[in-house]
Structures are given as C-alpha cells and as structure tokens.
Amino acid sequence: MRHFEKSNRARTLILVGAISALAACGQPANQQAASNIEAAITGVTSGLRPAVVVTGRAEETFTLAERMARYHVPGVSIAVADGGRIVWARGFGVKEV
C-alpha cells in the first residue's frame, strides 16, 4: 500500500505542476473583465494539452476531469496569480476520498 501512496502523490504533483504551468500562461488580470474570468477558467479546465506534442499528429486536448480520472486524482485546487494578486482560484473534485 505504501508504494501506491507514493505513486499517487507523484501523479498529483505532476498534474498540479502541469496545470500551474498552463494557468501561468493566462492573460493578466488587468486585461480581463469579471465576465471573462469564467471563460478563462473554462479554458484552463477544458483545454489541457499533453506534455509531449508529436509533429504531424492531430492536436489533442483533455478536460481537467479526464486528467483527474486518468491519474486517479480525487481533488485539485488551482489558483491563477498575476502581479502578485490572485485572479481566480477554484477547487475541483472532492476533498476527502
């Protein structure tokens, strides 16, 4: 059981790192009106790309829910910051398994 716990933690860290990198590419907060924040959240949660892109293959994207299911991650929290201020933050999934 201990091996599974380490493996699951590693998957969680990889997923959170990938999401953080994707979220960091978002538009600065001063360019987004409040009505556009939901669109930005939807873009982050529905437009995840694989870590490796193969030239010549069709571009594939994943939803956050698909990636969480694939890596058995029960819950994840995302916060996007710009200029030291949090633009948006949200939790997805469950907080207890």
PDB file of N, CA and C in Angstrom:
ATOM      1  N   MET A   1       0.817  -1.187   0.000  1.00  0.00           N
ATOM      2  CA  MET A   1       0.000   0.000   0.000  1.00  0.00           C
ATOM      3  C   MET A   1       0.864   1.255   0.000  1.00  0.00           C
ATOM      4  N   ARG A   2       1.983   1.204   0.641  1.00  0.00           N
ATOM      5  CA  ARG A   2       2.851   2.365   0.711  1.00  0.00           C
ATOM      6  C   ARG A   2       3.325   2.794  -0.680  1.00  0.00           C
ATOM      7  N   HIS A   3       3.658   1.838  -1.540  1.00  0.00           N
ATOM      8  CA  HIS A   3       4.094   2.156  -2.899  1.00  0.00           C
ATOM      9  C   HIS A   3       3.010   2.915  -3.642  1.00  0.00           C
ATOM     10  N   PHE A   4       1.757   2.523  -3.502  1.00  0.00           N
ATOM     11  CA  PHE A   4       0.645   3.197  -4.163  1.00  0.00           C
ATOM     12  C   PHE A   4       0.537   4.641  -3.682  1.00  0.00           C
ATOM     13  N   GLU A   5       0.697   4.871  -2.398  1.00  0.00           N
ATOM     14  CA  GLU A   5       0.594   6.227  -1.857  1.00  0.00           C
ATOM     15  C   GLU A   5       1.664   7.129  -2.446  1.00  0.00           C
ATOM     16  N   LYS A   6       2.894   6.644  -2.544  1.00  0.00           N
ATOM     17  CA  LYS A   6       3.956   7.443  -3.139  1.00  0.00           C
ATOM     18  C   LYS A   6       3.661   7.716  -4.608  1.00  0.00           C
ATOM     19  N   SER A   7       3.214   6.697  -5.320  1.00  0.00           N
ATOM     20  CA  SER A   7       2.915   6.827  -6.727  1.00  0.00           C
ATOM     21  C   SER A   7       1.776   7.821  -6.947  1.00  0.00           C
ATOM     22  N   ASN A   8       0.748   7.746  -6.124  1.00  0.00           N
ATOM     23  CA  ASN A   8      -0.390   8.643  -6.251  1.00  0.00           C
ATOM     24  C   ASN A   8       0.030  10.083  -5.975  1.00  0.00           C
ATOM     25  N   ARG A   9       0.883  10.296  -4.968  1.00  0.00           N
ATOM     26  CA  ARG A   9       1.374  11.640  -4.668  1.00  0.00           C
ATOM     27  C   ARG A   9       2.177  12.191  -5.844  1.00  0.00           C
ATOM     28  N   ALA A  10       2.981  11.346  -6.464  1.00  0.00           N
ATOM     29  CA  ALA A  10       3.785  11.786  -7.607  1.00  0.00           C
ATOM     30  C   ALA A  10       2.880  12.207  -8.761  1.00  0.00           C
ATOM     31  N   ARG A  11       1.832  11.437  -9.025  1.00  0.00           N
ATOM     32  CA  ARG A  11       0.892  11.798 -10.086  1.00  0.00           C
ATOM     33  C   ARG A  11       0.211  13.122  -9.777  1.00  0.00           C
ATOM     34  N   THR A  12      -0.163  13.306  -8.522  1.00  0.00           N
ATOM     35  CA  THR A  12      -0.817  14.544  -8.119  1.00  0.00           C
ATOM     36  C   THR A  12       0.108  15.729  -8.344  1.00  0.00           C
ATOM     37  N   LEU A  13       1.364  15.597  -7.949  1.00  0.00           N
ATOM     38  CA  LEU A  13       2.316  16.689  -8.136  1.00  0.00           C
ATOM     39  C   LEU A  13       2.537  16.996  -9.605  1.00  0.00           C
ATOM     40  N   ILE A  14       2.602  15.965 -10.435  1.00  0.00           N
ATOM     41  CA  ILE A  14       2.788  16.167 -11.872  1.00  0.00           C
ATOM     42  C   ILE A  14       1.594  16.901 -12.450  1.00  0.00           C
ATOM     43  N   LEU A  15       0.382  16.472 -12.087  1.00  0.00           N
ATOM     44  CA  LEU A  15      -0.822  17.108 -12.602  1.00  0.00           C
ATOM     45  C   LEU A  15      -0.916  18.550 -12.138  1.00  0.00           C
ATOM     46  N   VAL A  16      -0.659  18.802 -10.869  1.00  0.00           N
ATOM     47  CA  VAL A  16      -0.724  20.166 -10.349  1.00  0.00           C
ATOM     48  C   VAL A  16       0.328  21.036 -11.019  1.00  0.00           C
ATOM     49  N   GLY A  17       1.533  20.499 -11.224  1.00  0.00           N
ATOM     50  CA  GLY A  17       2.582  21.252 -11.911  1.00  0.00           C
ATOM     51  C   GLY A  17       2.189  21.591 -13.332  1.00  0.00           C
ATOM     52  N   ALA A  18       1.602  20.644 -14.041  1.00  0.00           N
ATOM     53  CA  ALA A  18       1.183  20.883 -15.418  1.00  0.00           C
ATOM     54  C   ALA A  18       0.084  21.925 -15.474  1.00  0.00           C
ATOM     55  N   ILE A  19      -0.852  21.845 -14.560  1.00  0.00           N
ATOM     56  CA  ILE A  19      -1.947  22.812 -14.532  1.00  0.00           C
ATOM     57  C   ILE A  19      -1.430  24.193 -14.170  1.00  0.00           C
ATOM     58  N   SER A  20      -0.503  24.257 -13.230  1.00  0.00           N
ATOM     59  CA  SER A  20       0.072  25.544 -12.836  1.00  0.00           C
ATOM     60  C   SER A  20       0.794  26.189 -14.011  1.00  0.00           C
ATOM     61  N   ALA A  21       1.529  25.397 -14.770  1.00  0.00           N
ATOM     62  CA  ALA A  21       2.240  25.928 -15.927  1.00  0.00           C
ATOM     63  C   ALA A  21       1.264  26.440 -16.970  1.00  0.00           C
ATOM     64  N   LEU A  22       0.186  25.711 -17.202  1.00  0.00           N
ATOM     65  CA  LEU A  22      -0.831  26.138 -18.156  1.00  0.00           C
ATOM     66  C   LEU A  22      -1.522  27.398 -17.665  1.00  0.00           C
ATOM     67  N   ALA A  23      -1.870  27.447 -16.405  1.00  0.00           N
ATOM     68  CA  ALA A  23      -2.572  28.601 -15.846  1.00  0.00           C
ATOM     69  C   ALA A  23      -1.700  29.845 -15.880  1.00  0.00           C
ATOM     70  N   ALA A  24      -0.405  29.689 -15.733  1.00  0.00           N
ATOM     71  CA  ALA A  24       0.507  30.834 -15.727  1.00  0.00           C
ATOM     72  C   ALA A  24       0.546  31.530 -17.088  1.00  0.00           C
ATOM     73  N   CYS A  25       0.078  30.845 -18.131  1.00  0.00           N
ATOM     74  CA  CYS A  25       0.089  31.416 -19.469  1.00  0.00           C
ATOM     75  C   CYS A  25      -1.152  32.259 -19.748  1.00  0.00           C
ATOM     76  N   GLY A  26      -2.043  32.385 -18.783  1.00  0.00           N
ATOM     77  CA  GLY A  26      -3.279  33.139 -18.970  1.00  0.00           C
ATOM     78  C   GLY A  26      -3.024  34.626 -19.115  1.00  0.00           C
ATOM     79  N   GLN A  27      -4.085  35.365 -19.479  1.00  0.00           N
ATOM     80  CA  GLN A  27      -3.982  36.804 -19.635  1.00  0.00           C
ATOM     81  C   GLN A  27      -3.861  37.486 -18.275  1.00  0.00           C
ATOM     82  N   PRO A  28      -3.184  38.630 -18.214  1.00  0.00           N
ATOM     83  CA  PRO A  28      -3.090  39.366 -16.955  1.00  0.00           C
ATOM     84  C   PRO A  28      -4.465  39.811 -16.472  1.00  0.00           C
ATOM     85  N   ALA A  29      -4.630  39.920 -15.165  1.00  0.00           N
ATOM     86  CA  ALA A  29      -5.916  40.260 -14.566  1.00  0.00           C
ATOM     87  C   ALA A  29      -6.425  41.617 -15.027  1.00  0.00           C
ATOM     88  N   ASN A  30      -5.530  42.576 -15.240  1.00  0.00           N
ATOM     89  CA  ASN A  30      -5.985  43.907 -15.626  1.00  0.00           C
ATOM     90  C   ASN A  30      -6.568  43.948 -17.029  1.00  0.00           C
ATOM     91  N   GLN A  31      -6.422  42.905 -17.812  1.00  0.00           N
ATOM     92  CA  GLN A  31      -6.985  42.834 -19.160  1.00  0.00           C
ATOM     93  C   GLN A  31      -8.288  42.037 -19.189  1.00  0.00           C
ATOM     94  N   GLN A  32      -8.650  41.438 -18.097  1.00  0.00           N
ATOM     95  CA  GLN A  32      -9.850  40.602 -18.072  1.00  0.00           C
ATOM     96  C   GLN A  32     -10.931  41.278 -17.256  1.00  0.00           C
ATOM     97  N   ALA A  33     -12.094  41.438 -17.843  1.00  0.00           N
ATOM     98  CA  ALA A  33     -13.250  41.916 -17.099  1.00  0.00           C
ATOM     99  C   ALA A  33     -13.788  40.738 -16.301  1.00  0.00           C
ATOM    100  N   ALA A  34     -14.598  41.017 -15.304  1.00  0.00           N
ATOM    101  CA  ALA A  34     -15.154  39.965 -14.458  1.00  0.00           C
ATOM    102  C   ALA A  34     -15.909  38.923 -15.274  1.00  0.00           C
ATOM    103  N   SER A  35     -16.573  39.342 -16.340  1.00  0.00           N
ATOM    104  CA  SER A  35     -17.329  38.394 -17.171  1.00  0.00           C
ATOM    105  C   SER A  35     -16.425  37.442 -17.934  1.00  0.00           C
ATOM    106  N   ASN A  36     -15.156  37.826 -18.140  1.00  0.00           N
ATOM    107  CA  ASN A  36     -14.224  36.970 -18.877  1.00  0.00           C
ATOM    108  C   ASN A  36     -13.516  35.956 -17.983  1.00  0.00           C
ATOM    109  N   ILE A  37     -13.617  36.113 -16.677  1.00  0.00           N
ATOM    110  CA  ILE A  37     -12.922  35.191 -15.781  1.00  0.00           C
ATOM    111  C   ILE A  37     -13.477  33.781 -15.920  1.00  0.00           C
ATOM    112  N   GLU A  38     -14.792  33.648 -16.029  1.00  0.00           N
ATOM    113  CA  GLU A  38     -15.379  32.310 -16.221  1.00  0.00           C
ATOM    114  C   GLU A  38     -14.882  31.675 -17.507  1.00  0.00           C
ATOM    115  N   ALA A  39     -14.729  32.461 -18.557  1.00  0.00           N
ATOM    116  CA  ALA A  39     -14.203  31.940 -19.827  1.00  0.00           C
ATOM    117  C   ALA A  39     -12.763  31.469 -19.644  1.00  0.00           C
ATOM    118  N   ALA A  40     -11.981  32.210 -18.864  1.00  0.00           N
ATOM    119  CA  ALA A  40     -10.599  31.810 -18.598  1.00  0.00           C
ATOM    120  C   ALA A  40     -10.558  30.508 -17.812  1.00  0.00           C
ATOM    121  N   ILE A  41     -11.427  30.374 -16.829  1.00  0.00           N
ATOM    122  CA  ILE A  41     -11.487  29.140 -16.032  1.00  0.00           C
ATOM    123  C   ILE A  41     -11.859  27.968 -16.925  1.00  0.00           C
ATOM    124  N   THR A  42     -12.852  28.167 -17.775  1.00  0.00           N
ATOM    125  CA  THR A  42     -13.261  27.107 -18.699  1.00  0.00           C
ATOM    126  C   THR A  42     -12.113  26.738 -19.635  1.00  0.00           C
ATOM    127  N   GLY A  43     -11.375  27.720 -20.107  1.00  0.00           N
ATOM    128  CA  GLY A  43     -10.232  27.443 -20.976  1.00  0.00           C
ATOM    129  C   GLY A  43      -9.180  26.595 -20.296  1.00  0.00           C
ATOM    130  N   VAL A  44      -8.895  26.892 -19.033  1.00  0.00           N
ATOM    131  CA  VAL A  44      -7.898  26.120 -18.286  1.00  0.00           C
ATOM    132  C   VAL A  44      -8.405  24.713 -18.006  1.00  0.00           C
ATOM    133  N   THR A  45      -9.667  24.581 -17.635  1.00  0.00           N
ATOM    134  CA  THR A  45     -10.184  23.267 -17.243  1.00  0.00           C
ATOM    135  C   THR A  45     -10.605  22.396 -18.413  1.00  0.00           C
ATOM    136  N   SER A  46     -10.703  22.952 -19.599  1.00  0.00           N
ATOM    137  CA  SER A  46     -11.128  22.127 -20.732  1.00  0.00           C
ATOM    138  C   SER A  46     -10.109  22.068 -21.862  1.00  0.00           C
ATOM    139  N   GLY A  47      -9.004  22.767 -21.713  1.00  0.00           N
ATOM    140  CA  GLY A  47      -8.034  22.796 -22.802  1.00  0.00           C
ATOM    141  C   GLY A  47      -6.658  22.306 -22.419  1.00  0.00           C
ATOM    142  N   LEU A  48      -6.574  21.306 -21.562  1.00  0.00           N
ATOM    143  CA  LEU A  48      -5.264  20.776 -21.165  1.00  0.00           C
ATOM    144  C   LEU A  48      -4.639  20.013 -22.333  1.00  0.00           C
ATOM    145  N   ARG A  49      -3.357  20.224 -22.522  1.00  0.00           N
ATOM    146  CA  ARG A  49      -2.639  19.550 -23.607  1.00  0.00           C
ATOM    147  C   ARG A  49      -1.668  18.535 -23.032  1.00  0.00           C
ATOM    148  N   PRO A  50      -1.306  17.526 -23.828  1.00  0.00           N
ATOM    149  CA  PRO A  50      -0.329  16.546 -23.337  1.00  0.00           C
ATOM    150  C   PRO A  50       1.041  17.197 -23.145  1.00  0.00           C
ATOM    151  N   ALA A  51       1.849  16.571 -22.325  1.00  0.00           N
ATOM    152  CA  ALA A  51       3.191  17.099 -22.044  1.00  0.00           C
ATOM    153  C   ALA A  51       4.071  17.053 -23.282  1.00  0.00           C
ATOM    154  N   VAL A  52       3.835  16.092 -24.156  1.00  0.00           N
ATOM    155  CA  VAL A  52       4.623  15.932 -25.377  1.00  0.00           C
ATOM    156  C   VAL A  52       3.685  16.035 -26.573  1.00  0.00           C
ATOM    157  N   VAL A  53       4.030  16.895 -27.508  1.00  0.00           N
ATOM    158  CA  VAL A  53       3.245  17.054 -28.728  1.00  0.00           C
ATOM    159  C   VAL A  53       4.063  16.491 -29.877  1.00  0.00           C
ATOM    160  N   VAL A  54       3.462  15.586 -30.652  1.00  0.00           N
ATOM    161  CA  VAL A  54       4.149  14.948 -31.773  1.00  0.00           C
ATOM    162  C   VAL A  54       3.758  15.668 -33.063  1.00  0.00           C
ATOM    163  N   THR A  55       4.754  16.154 -33.781  1.00  0.00           N
ATOM    164  CA  THR A  55       4.512  16.845 -35.043  1.00  0.00           C
ATOM    165  C   THR A  55       3.819  15.909 -36.018  1.00  0.00           C
ATOM    166  N   GLY A  56       2.783  16.425 -36.673  1.00  0.00           N
ATOM    167  CA  GLY A  56       2.054  15.631 -37.656  1.00  0.00           C
ATOM    168  C   GLY A  56       0.816  14.951 -37.087  1.00  0.00           C
ATOM    169  N   ARG A  57       0.723  14.843 -35.786  1.00  0.00           N
ATOM    170  CA  ARG A  57      -0.471  14.264 -35.172  1.00  0.00           C
ATOM    171  C   ARG A  57      -1.480  15.364 -34.890  1.00  0.00           C
ATOM    172  N   ALA A  58      -2.747  14.978 -34.915  1.00  0.00           N
ATOM    173  CA  ALA A  58      -3.800  15.937 -34.586  1.00  0.00           C
ATOM    174  C   ALA A  58      -3.622  16.407 -33.146  1.00  0.00           C
ATOM    175  N   GLU A  59      -3.842  17.699 -32.937  1.00  0.00           N
ATOM    176  CA  GLU A  59      -3.710  18.243 -31.580  1.00  0.00           C
ATOM    177  C   GLU A  59      -4.834  17.689 -30.710  1.00  0.00           C
ATOM    178  N   GLU A  60      -4.466  17.171 -29.556  1.00  0.00           N
ATOM    179  CA  GLU A  60      -5.476  16.654 -28.649  1.00  0.00           C
ATOM    180  C   GLU A  60      -5.483  17.474 -27.373  1.00  0.00           C
ATOM    181  N   THR A  61      -6.665  17.645 -26.827  1.00  0.00           N
ATOM    182  CA  THR A  61      -6.807  18.343 -25.558  1.00  0.00           C
ATOM    183  C   THR A  61      -7.642  17.474 -24.630  1.00  0.00           C
ATOM    184  N   PHE A  62      -7.507  17.745 -23.352  1.00  0.00           N
ATOM    185  CA  PHE A  62      -8.215  16.988 -22.339  1.00  0.00           C
ATOM    186  C   PHE A  62      -8.915  17.950 -21.397  1.00  0.00           C
ATOM    187  N   THR A  63      -9.952  17.454 -20.757  1.00  0.00           N
ATOM    188  CA  THR A  63     -10.573  18.240 -19.698  1.00  0.00           C
ATOM    189  C   THR A  63      -9.866  17.916 -18.395  1.00  0.00           C
ATOM    190  N   LEU A  64     -10.018  18.785 -17.443  1.00  0.00           N
ATOM    191  CA  LEU A  64      -9.440  18.543 -16.128  1.00  0.00           C
ATOM    192  C   LEU A  64     -10.021  17.267 -15.533  1.00  0.00           C
ATOM    193  N   ALA A  65     -11.319  17.055 -15.698  1.00  0.00           N
ATOM    194  CA  ALA A  65     -11.963  15.847 -15.166  1.00  0.00           C
ATOM    195  C   ALA A  65     -11.367  14.582 -15.789  1.00  0.00           C
ATOM    196  N   GLU A  66     -11.086  14.607 -17.083  1.00  0.00           N
ATOM    197  CA  GLU A  66     -10.469  13.446 -17.747  1.00  0.00           C
ATOM    198  C   GLU A  66      -9.081  13.159 -17.182  1.00  0.00           C
ATOM    199  N   ARG A  67      -8.286  14.193 -16.995  1.00  0.00           N
ATOM    200  CA  ARG A  67      -6.936  14.007 -16.453  1.00  0.00           C
ATOM    201  C   ARG A  67      -6.984  13.541 -15.003  1.00  0.00           C
ATOM    202  N   MET A  68      -7.903  14.080 -14.223  1.00  0.00           N
ATOM    203  CA  MET A  68      -8.037  13.644 -12.836  1.00  0.00           C
ATOM    204  C   MET A  68      -8.418  12.169 -12.781  1.00  0.00           C
ATOM    205  N   ALA A  69      -9.334  11.752 -13.638  1.00  0.00           N
ATOM    206  CA  ALA A  69      -9.741  10.343 -13.682  1.00  0.00           C
ATOM    207  C   ALA A  69      -8.576   9.463 -14.146  1.00  0.00           C
ATOM    208  N   ARG A  70      -7.860   9.904 -15.162  1.00  0.00           N
ATOM    209  CA  ARG A  70      -6.748   9.117 -15.714  1.00  0.00           C
ATOM    210  C   ARG A  70      -5.660   8.858 -14.668  1.00  0.00           C
ATOM    211  N   TYR A  71      -5.351   9.873 -13.861  1.00  0.00           N
ATOM    212  CA  TYR A  71      -4.284   9.753 -12.877  1.00  0.00           C
ATOM    213  C   TYR A  71      -4.790   9.493 -11.463  1.00  0.00           C
ATOM    214  N   HIS A  72      -6.077   9.193 -11.347  1.00  0.00           N
ATOM    215  CA  HIS A  72      -6.687   8.841 -10.050  1.00  0.00           C
ATOM    216  C   HIS A  72      -6.467   9.935  -9.006  1.00  0.00           C
ATOM    217  N   VAL A  73      -6.687  11.171  -9.409  1.00  0.00           N
ATOM    218  CA  VAL A  73      -6.549  12.315  -8.513  1.00  0.00           C
ATOM    219  C   VAL A  73      -7.959  12.705  -8.061  1.00  0.00           C
ATOM    220  N   PRO A  74      -8.264  12.558  -6.764  1.00  0.00           N
ATOM    221  CA  PRO A  74      -9.632  12.833  -6.306  1.00  0.00           C
ATOM    222  C   PRO A  74      -9.971  14.320  -6.236  1.00  0.00           C
ATOM    223  N   GLY A  75      -8.993  15.189  -6.057  1.00  0.00           N
ATOM    224  CA  GLY A  75      -9.280  16.615  -5.955  1.00  0.00           C
ATOM    225  C   GLY A  75      -8.050  17.437  -6.272  1.00  0.00           C
ATOM    226  N   VAL A  76      -8.290  18.625  -6.811  1.00  0.00           N
ATOM    227  CA  VAL A  76      -7.184  19.518  -7.156  1.00  0.00           C
ATOM    228  C   VAL A  76      -7.654  20.959  -6.942  1.00  0.00           C
ATOM    229  N   SER A  77      -6.728  21.794  -6.566  1.00  0.00           N
ATOM    230  CA  SER A  77      -7.009  23.215  -6.383  1.00  0.00           C
ATOM    231  C   SER A  77      -6.127  23.993  -7.342  1.00  0.00           C
ATOM    232  N   ILE A  78      -6.717  24.978  -8.024  1.00  0.00           N
ATOM    233  CA  ILE A  78      -5.978  25.801  -8.971  1.00  0.00           C
ATOM    234  C   ILE A  78      -6.127  27.257  -8.558  1.00  0.00           C
ATOM    235  N   ALA A  79      -5.036  27.965  -8.538  1.00  0.00           N
ATOM    236  CA  ALA A  79      -5.056  29.409  -8.310  1.00  0.00           C
ATOM    237  C   ALA A  79      -4.206  30.058  -9.385  1.00  0.00           C
ATOM    238  N   VAL A  80      -4.734  31.081 -10.014  1.00  0.00           N
ATOM    239  CA  VAL A  80      -4.005  31.818 -11.037  1.00  0.00           C
ATOM    240  C   VAL A  80      -3.700  33.196 -10.466  1.00  0.00           C
ATOM    241  N   ALA A  81      -2.427  33.548 -10.466  1.00  0.00           N
ATOM    242  CA  ALA A  81      -1.995  34.842  -9.936  1.00  0.00           C
ATOM    243  C   ALA A  81      -1.366  35.662 -11.042  1.00  0.00           C
ATOM    244  N   ASP A  82      -1.520  36.957 -10.930  1.00  0.00           N
ATOM    245  CA  ASP A  82      -0.905  37.880 -11.871  1.00  0.00           C
ATOM    246  C   ASP A  82      -0.442  39.099 -11.090  1.00  0.00           C
ATOM    247  N   GLY A  83       0.817  39.418 -11.194  1.00  0.00           N
ATOM    248  CA  GLY A  83       1.339  40.577 -10.497  1.00  0.00           C
ATOM    249  C   GLY A  83       1.203  40.498  -8.988  1.00  0.00           C
ATOM    250  N   GLY A  84       1.279  39.297  -8.445  1.00  0.00           N
ATOM    251  CA  GLY A  84       1.171  39.117  -7.005  1.00  0.00           C
ATOM    252  C   GLY A  84      -0.253  39.090  -6.482  1.00  0.00           C
ATOM    253  N   ARG A  85      -1.228  39.182  -7.358  1.00  0.00           N
ATOM    254  CA  ARG A  85      -2.636  39.133  -6.950  1.00  0.00           C
ATOM    255  C   ARG A  85      -3.310  37.902  -7.531  1.00  0.00           C
ATOM    256  N   ILE A  86      -4.168  37.297  -6.752  1.00  0.00           N
ATOM    257  CA  ILE A  86      -4.900  36.126  -7.233  1.00  0.00           C
ATOM    258  C   ILE A  86      -6.019  36.605  -8.149  1.00  0.00           C
ATOM    259  N   VAL A  87      -6.004  36.119  -9.385  1.00  0.00           N
ATOM    260  CA  VAL A  87      -7.024  36.453 -10.373  1.00  0.00           C
ATOM    261  C   VAL A  87      -8.251  35.591 -10.139  1.00  0.00           C
ATOM    262  N   TRP A  88      -8.008  34.287  -9.969  1.00  0.00           N
ATOM    263  CA  TRP A  88      -9.087  33.366  -9.622  1.00  0.00           C
ATOM    264  C   TRP A  88      -8.512  32.131  -8.969  1.00  0.00           C
ATOM    265  N   ALA A  89      -9.348  31.492  -8.186  1.00  0.00           N
ATOM    266  CA  ALA A  89      -8.964  30.238  -7.506  1.00  0.00           C
ATOM    267  C   ALA A  89     -10.210  29.385  -7.395  1.00  0.00           C
ATOM    268  N   ARG A  90     -10.033  28.102  -7.588  1.00  0.00           N
ATOM    269  CA  ARG A  90     -11.168  27.190  -7.514  1.00  0.00           C
ATOM    270  C   ARG A  90     -10.684  25.783  -7.203  1.00  0.00           C
ATOM    271  N   GLY A  91     -11.518  25.031  -6.527  1.00  0.00           N
ATOM    272  CA  GLY A  91     -11.245  23.628  -6.245  1.00  0.00           C
ATOM    273  C   GLY A  91     -12.117  22.748  -7.113  1.00  0.00           C
ATOM    274  N   PHE A  92     -11.585  21.582  -7.486  1.00  0.00           N
ATOM    275  CA  PHE A  92     -12.306  20.647  -8.342  1.00  0.00           C
ATOM    276  C   PHE A  92     -12.206  19.258  -7.733  1.00  0.00           C
ATOM    277  N   GLY A  93     -13.242  18.464  -7.841  1.00  0.00           N
ATOM    278  CA  GLY A  93     -13.226  17.106  -7.305  1.00  0.00           C
ATOM    279  C   GLY A  93     -13.731  17.087  -5.876  1.00  0.00           C
ATOM    280  N   VAL A  94     -13.148  16.198  -5.100  1.00  0.00           N
ATOM    281  CA  VAL A  94     -13.569  16.029  -3.712  1.00  0.00           C
ATOM    282  C   VAL A  94     -12.396  16.314  -2.784  1.00  0.00           C
ATOM    283  N   LYS A  95     -12.702  16.717  -1.554  1.00  0.00           N
ATOM    284  CA  LYS A  95     -11.612  16.967  -0.611  1.00  0.00           C
ATOM    285  C   LYS A  95     -11.328  15.769   0.262  1.00  0.00           C
ATOM    286  N   GLU A  96     -12.219  14.791   0.295  1.00  0.00           N
ATOM    287  CA  GLU A  96     -11.986  13.542   1.027  1.00  0.00           C
ATOM    288  C   GLU A  96     -12.355  12.376   0.131  1.00  0.00           C
ATOM    289  N   VAL A  97     -11.499  11.358   0.103  1.00  0.00           N
ATOM    290  CA  VAL A  97     -11.744  10.192  -0.739  1.00  0.00           C
ATOM    291  C   VAL A  97     -12.711   9.263  -0.044  1.00  0.00           C
TER     292      VAL A  97
END
